[in-house]
Amino acid sequence: MSAHAVRQRAAHMSGLRAQLEPLLLAHRGTESTTAQLVDHTTRRTPVAVARTGQITHILWACDDPAELARLVSGLSVGQALIADGHHRHAACLQLSGDAAGPWTSSLALLVDTVTSPLRLSAIHRLLPALGPEKAARNAAEVARVLPLPGGPHPPEPGELILTGGGRGLEHHTS
C-alpha cells in the first residue's frame, strides 16, 4: 500500500471533514440470509429511485431491528474483504485519533459475492481507441520507449507502462 496515497486521502478527507466514497466490501454470504433480506426489503416502497442513462438505481431502507439482527447474524459467519478503498480505509484509521471527526466508522457498500459476483475490469486509465503501436509512436516523440520482453510490471517513479495487443511498452520520462 502506498503511504503517499494514504496521506493524500487523509488530507482530502480531513479537509472536507467527510467521506465521499464508500469502501467496496466483498462478502461471501449465505444464500438464505441474502435472499430473505433482499426479498423482504424490496417488497416495500423504495426510498429513492434515480435513472442515469439506461440504468435505474433503486434504494430501499433496511432499518427494521429484526432485519438488522438477521443481517448481523449472516455477516458474523465470515469476513468482508476490501475490494476497493484500502487507501481510504487506511486514511480513516490514520485520522481516527480525531474523536470529533467522522473517522470512527466508514461508509461501505457490502456486496454478497454469492448472489452478485464482482467482475474485475479496467474502468480508468483505459484508452480503447488507442492501440499500443500508436501510443508507442506518440510517446517516442517526447520520451524513450522500450519494449518489455518480460511483460508488464508495476511502474517505477517516472515510468509509464503501456499494454495492449499482448505486448507491453515502457515509457520513461527521465
Protein backbone atom coordinates (compact mmCIF):
# COMPACT_ATOMS: atom_id res chain seq x y z
CA MET A 1 0.00 0.00 0.00
CA SER A 2 1.29 3.42 -0.89
CA ALA A 3 1.91 5.63 2.16
CA HIS A 4 1.79 8.65 -0.17
CA ALA A 5 -1.71 7.70 -1.39
CA VAL A 6 -2.89 7.21 2.21
CA ARG A 7 -1.55 10.65 3.20
CA GLN A 8 -3.31 12.21 0.17
CA ARG A 9 -6.63 10.53 1.04
CA ALA A 10 -6.30 11.54 4.70
CA ALA A 11 -5.58 15.18 3.78
CA HIS A 12 -8.52 15.24 1.36
CA MET A 13 -10.94 13.64 3.82
CA SER A 14 -9.72 15.79 6.70
CA GLY A 15 -10.06 18.97 4.66
CA LEU A 16 -13.62 18.06 3.68
CA ARG A 17 -14.39 16.51 7.08
CA ALA A 18 -16.30 13.87 5.15
CA GLN A 19 -16.02 10.52 3.41
CA LEU A 20 -17.34 10.95 -0.11
CA GLU A 21 -17.00 7.38 -1.35
CA PRO A 22 -17.91 4.08 0.28
CA LEU A 23 -15.46 1.26 0.72
CA LEU A 24 -16.39 -1.67 -1.53
CA LEU A 25 -16.54 -4.77 0.64
CA ALA A 26 -16.87 -8.27 -0.81
CA HIS A 27 -18.57 -10.85 1.41
CA ARG A 28 -19.43 -14.46 0.74
CA GLY A 29 -22.91 -14.57 2.27
CA THR A 30 -25.22 -17.43 2.92
CA GLU A 31 -27.85 -17.67 0.22
CA SER A 32 -30.72 -17.91 2.69
CA THR A 33 -29.79 -14.75 4.61
CA THR A 34 -29.23 -12.67 1.49
CA ALA A 35 -32.31 -13.96 -0.31
CA GLN A 36 -34.56 -13.41 2.71
CA LEU A 37 -33.32 -9.87 3.31
CA VAL A 38 -33.49 -8.85 -0.34
CA ASP A 39 -36.92 -10.39 -0.79
CA HIS A 40 -38.32 -8.82 2.37
CA THR A 41 -36.73 -5.38 1.90
CA THR A 42 -37.60 -4.94 -1.77
CA ARG A 43 -41.29 -5.58 -1.13
CA ARG A 44 -41.67 -2.15 0.42
CA THR A 45 -41.76 1.21 -1.29
CA PRO A 46 -38.29 2.46 -2.30
CA VAL A 47 -36.83 5.47 -0.51
CA ALA A 48 -35.41 6.82 -3.79
CA VAL A 49 -35.31 5.98 -7.48
CA ALA A 50 -32.87 7.58 -9.93
CA ARG A 51 -32.31 6.90 -13.60
CA THR A 52 -28.94 7.57 -15.26
CA GLY A 53 -28.95 6.72 -18.96
CA GLN A 54 -30.13 3.12 -19.27
CA ILE A 55 -29.50 2.30 -15.59
CA THR A 56 -32.13 2.67 -12.87
CA HIS A 57 -30.91 2.85 -9.26
CA ILE A 58 -33.41 1.93 -6.54
CA LEU A 59 -32.72 2.48 -2.83
CA TRP A 60 -34.64 0.74 -0.05
CA ALA A 61 -34.18 1.33 3.67
CA CYS A 62 -33.32 -1.59 5.93
CA ASP A 63 -34.00 -0.22 9.41
CA ASP A 64 -36.19 -2.91 10.99
CA PRO A 65 -34.43 -4.27 14.12
CA ALA A 66 -35.27 -7.89 13.19
CA GLU A 67 -33.85 -7.43 9.67
CA LEU A 68 -30.72 -5.79 11.01
CA ALA A 69 -30.25 -8.63 13.53
CA ARG A 70 -30.62 -11.18 10.68
CA LEU A 71 -28.08 -9.21 8.63
CA VAL A 72 -25.59 -9.03 11.51
CA SER A 73 -26.05 -12.75 12.15
CA GLY A 74 -25.43 -13.57 8.49
CA LEU A 75 -22.32 -11.39 8.39
CA SER A 76 -20.83 -12.80 11.57
CA VAL A 77 -20.06 -16.18 9.95
CA GLY A 78 -17.38 -14.86 7.59
CA GLN A 79 -15.19 -11.97 6.62
CA ALA A 80 -15.65 -8.97 4.38
CA LEU A 81 -12.67 -8.14 2.20
CA ILE A 82 -11.92 -4.64 0.96
CA ALA A 83 -12.28 -4.91 -2.82
CA ASP A 84 -11.80 -1.17 -3.35
CA GLY A 85 -10.93 1.59 -0.91
CA HIS A 86 -7.97 0.22 1.04
CA HIS A 87 -6.25 3.65 0.91
CA ARG A 88 -9.43 5.36 2.20
CA HIS A 89 -9.72 2.76 4.97
CA ALA A 90 -6.09 3.32 5.98
CA ALA A 91 -6.71 7.09 5.92
CA CYS A 92 -9.69 6.63 8.28
CA LEU A 93 -7.53 4.59 10.62
CA GLN A 94 -4.89 7.33 10.49
CA LEU A 95 -7.49 10.02 11.22
CA SER A 96 -9.38 8.06 13.88
CA GLY A 97 -7.39 9.77 16.66
CA ASP A 98 -9.60 12.82 15.97
CA ALA A 99 -12.62 11.81 18.08
CA ALA A 100 -14.62 14.79 16.75
CA GLY A 101 -14.25 13.68 13.13
CA PRO A 102 -16.30 11.16 11.16
CA TRP A 103 -13.47 8.61 11.13
CA THR A 104 -14.51 6.03 13.71
CA SER A 105 -16.65 4.23 11.11
CA SER A 106 -16.70 4.13 7.34
CA LEU A 107 -19.37 4.29 4.71
CA ALA A 108 -19.33 0.92 2.93
CA LEU A 109 -21.08 -0.90 0.13
CA LEU A 110 -21.26 -4.59 1.04
CA VAL A 111 -21.62 -6.94 -1.92
CA ASP A 112 -22.56 -10.58 -1.47
CA THR A 113 -20.33 -12.35 -3.97
CA VAL A 114 -22.53 -15.47 -3.95
CA THR A 115 -25.58 -13.68 -5.35
CA SER A 116 -23.75 -10.79 -7.06
CA PRO A 117 -20.23 -11.83 -8.10
CA LEU A 118 -17.82 -8.96 -8.64
CA ARG A 119 -16.16 -8.68 -12.03
CA LEU A 120 -12.74 -7.09 -12.32
CA SER A 121 -12.17 -4.96 -15.38
CA ALA A 122 -10.37 -1.78 -16.29
CA ILE A 123 -12.51 1.25 -15.51
CA HIS A 124 -9.96 4.06 -15.68
CA ARG A 125 -6.66 4.75 -17.34
CA LEU A 126 -8.11 2.94 -20.35
CA LEU A 127 -7.96 4.34 -23.87
CA PRO A 128 -9.90 1.85 -26.04
CA ALA A 129 -9.35 3.68 -29.34
CA LEU A 130 -5.58 4.00 -28.83
CA GLY A 131 -3.64 0.91 -29.94
CA PRO A 132 -0.27 0.12 -28.33
CA GLU A 133 1.72 0.81 -31.53
CA LYS A 134 0.18 4.27 -31.96
CA ALA A 135 0.68 5.01 -28.24
CA ALA A 136 4.36 3.98 -28.51
CA ARG A 137 4.91 6.15 -31.61
CA ASN A 138 3.33 9.17 -29.92
CA ALA A 139 5.21 8.60 -26.65
CA ALA A 140 8.51 8.24 -28.55
CA GLU A 141 8.19 11.87 -29.63
CA VAL A 142 8.70 13.03 -26.03
CA ALA A 143 10.33 10.12 -24.18
CA ARG A 144 12.38 6.96 -24.51
CA VAL A 145 10.14 3.95 -25.33
CA LEU A 146 11.42 0.42 -24.69
CA PRO A 147 9.86 -3.00 -25.27
CA LEU A 148 9.07 -5.11 -22.21
CA PRO A 149 10.20 -8.62 -23.16
CA GLY A 150 9.35 -9.89 -19.66
CA GLY A 151 5.84 -8.42 -19.84
CA PRO A 152 4.22 -5.59 -17.90
CA HIS A 153 5.33 -4.80 -14.35
CA PRO A 154 4.30 -2.18 -11.78
CA PRO A 155 5.71 1.18 -12.89
CA GLU A 156 8.68 2.73 -11.13
CA PRO A 157 8.72 6.51 -10.44
CA GLY A 158 8.97 8.39 -13.74
CA GLU A 159 7.77 5.37 -15.70
CA LEU A 160 4.55 4.63 -17.56
CA ILE A 161 3.67 1.10 -18.66
CA LEU A 162 1.55 0.73 -21.81
CA THR A 163 -0.01 -2.64 -22.57
CA GLY A 164 -2.25 -3.94 -25.30
CA GLY A 165 -2.35 -6.41 -28.10
CA GLY A 166 -0.49 -8.92 -25.93
CA ARG A 167 2.55 -6.64 -25.63
CA GLY A 168 3.91 -4.15 -23.16
CA LEU A 169 5.94 -0.98 -23.67
CA GLU A 170 7.84 1.10 -21.14
CA HIS A 171 7.80 4.90 -21.30
CA HIS A 172 10.49 6.75 -19.32
CA THR A 173 10.02 10.44 -18.58
CA SER A 174 13.62 10.97 -17.47
